Protein backbone atom coordinates (compact mmCIF):
# COMPACT_ATOMS: atom_id res chain seq x y z
CA UNK A 1 -15.37 5.61 -1.09
CA UNK A 2 -14.39 1.96 -1.30
CA UNK A 3 -10.91 0.91 -2.41
CA UNK A 4 -9.96 -2.70 -3.10
CA UNK A 5 -6.53 -3.46 -1.62
CA UNK A 6 -4.59 -6.46 -2.96
CA UNK A 7 -1.73 -7.91 -0.94
CA UNK A 8 0.82 -9.80 -3.04
CA UNK A 9 3.92 -11.84 -2.21
CA UNK A 10 5.63 -11.00 1.06
CA UNK A 11 2.97 -8.40 1.88
CA UNK A 12 0.30 -11.14 1.66
CA UNK A 13 2.37 -13.33 3.96
CA UNK A 14 2.70 -10.51 6.49
CA UNK A 15 -0.98 -9.50 6.48
CA UNK A 16 -2.40 -13.00 6.17
CA UNK A 17 -4.85 -11.67 3.58
CA UNK A 18 -5.09 -11.84 -0.19
CA UNK A 19 -7.27 -8.74 -0.48
CA UNK A 20 -9.73 -6.60 1.42
CA UNK A 21 -11.98 -3.60 0.88
CA UNK A 22 -10.98 -0.36 2.56
CA UNK A 23 -13.43 2.46 3.19
CA UNK A 24 -11.73 5.83 2.72
CA UNK A 25 -13.01 9.40 2.89
CA UNK A 26 -13.73 11.12 -0.42
CA UNK A 27 -10.61 12.92 -1.62
CA UNK A 28 -8.22 10.44 0.01
CA UNK A 29 -4.80 9.91 -1.54
CA UNK A 30 -2.53 6.91 -1.92
CA UNK A 31 -0.58 8.23 1.06
CA UNK A 32 -3.75 8.14 3.19
CA UNK A 33 -4.36 4.53 2.22
CA UNK A 34 -0.76 3.51 2.99
CA UNK A 35 -1.04 5.15 6.41
CA UNK A 36 -4.26 3.22 7.05
CA UNK A 37 -2.60 -0.07 6.09
CA UNK A 38 0.40 0.78 8.29
CA UNK A 39 -1.90 1.46 11.26
CA UNK A 40 -3.69 -1.84 10.71
CA UNK A 41 -0.68 -4.08 10.00
CA UNK A 42 2.26 -1.97 11.18
CA UNK A 43 3.78 -4.62 13.42
CA UNK A 44 3.66 -7.35 10.81
CA UNK A 45 4.87 -5.03 8.05
CA UNK A 46 7.81 -3.70 10.06
CA UNK A 47 10.68 -3.28 7.63
CA UNK A 48 8.41 -2.30 4.74
CA UNK A 49 6.70 0.57 6.52
CA UNK A 50 9.26 2.67 8.34
CA UNK A 51 8.54 5.01 11.28
CA UNK A 52 7.78 7.99 9.06
CA UNK A 53 6.38 6.59 5.85
CA UNK A 54 6.90 9.40 3.38
CA UNK A 55 9.97 8.50 1.29
CA UNK A 56 11.01 5.96 3.91
CA UNK A 57 9.34 2.90 2.51
CA UNK A 58 11.61 -0.01 1.77
CA UNK A 59 13.00 0.56 -1.75
CA UNK A 60 11.70 -2.85 -2.84
CA UNK A 61 8.10 -1.87 -1.97
CA UNK A 62 5.90 -1.63 -5.09
CA UNK A 63 2.46 -0.01 -5.39
CA UNK A 64 0.08 -0.03 -8.35
CA UNK A 65 -3.23 1.78 -8.71
CA UNK A 66 -5.52 0.16 -11.27
CA UNK A 67 -2.49 -1.65 -12.71
CA UNK A 68 -0.34 1.49 -13.09
CA UNK A 69 2.93 1.65 -11.13
CA UNK A 70 3.02 4.54 -8.64
CA UNK A 71 5.81 6.04 -6.53
CA UNK A 72 4.65 5.54 -2.92
CA UNK A 73 6.90 8.38 -1.71
CA UNK A 74 4.73 10.75 -3.79
CA UNK A 75 1.48 9.32 -2.44
CA UNK A 76 -0.05 12.70 -1.61
CA UNK A 77 -0.04 13.49 -5.33
CA UNK A 78 -1.88 10.27 -6.21
CA UNK A 79 -5.62 10.76 -5.67
CA UNK A 80 -7.81 7.71 -5.23
CA UNK A 81 -11.35 7.27 -6.52
CA UNK A 82 -14.22 5.01 -5.56
CA UNK A 83 -13.68 1.56 -7.04
CA UNK A 84 -9.90 1.85 -7.45
CA UNK A 85 -7.77 -1.26 -6.94
CA UNK A 86 -4.46 -0.77 -5.15
CA UNK A 87 -1.91 -3.60 -5.15
CA UNK A 88 0.87 -3.69 -2.55
CA UNK A 89 3.88 -5.94 -3.14
CA UNK A 90 7.63 -6.25 -2.80
CA UNK A 91 10.34 -7.14 -5.26
CA UNK A 92 12.13 -10.32 -4.31
CA UNK A 93 15.82 -10.75 -4.95
CA UNK A 94 18.25 -13.51 -4.22
CA UNK A 95 20.94 -15.54 -5.73
């Protein structure tokens, strides 16, 4: 199945890409997709993707699937379907 991955904000800066298609096996979950992205961009996303991803993502890391906010630490419970759009971004704070 084909998933459209959008990279926004700091994640876009780290990957150098605005978006890209990602071919995933049927039955893949959000967690599977995040692992794939970590394998591809792990070095540049250091700090967002921690050594063991489950529940160890930076707390400012935001994921949406088809515009709906998802908890990336519960990625195994979020099935993906052909044609889904997943957006990866971070909250920015400052003062």
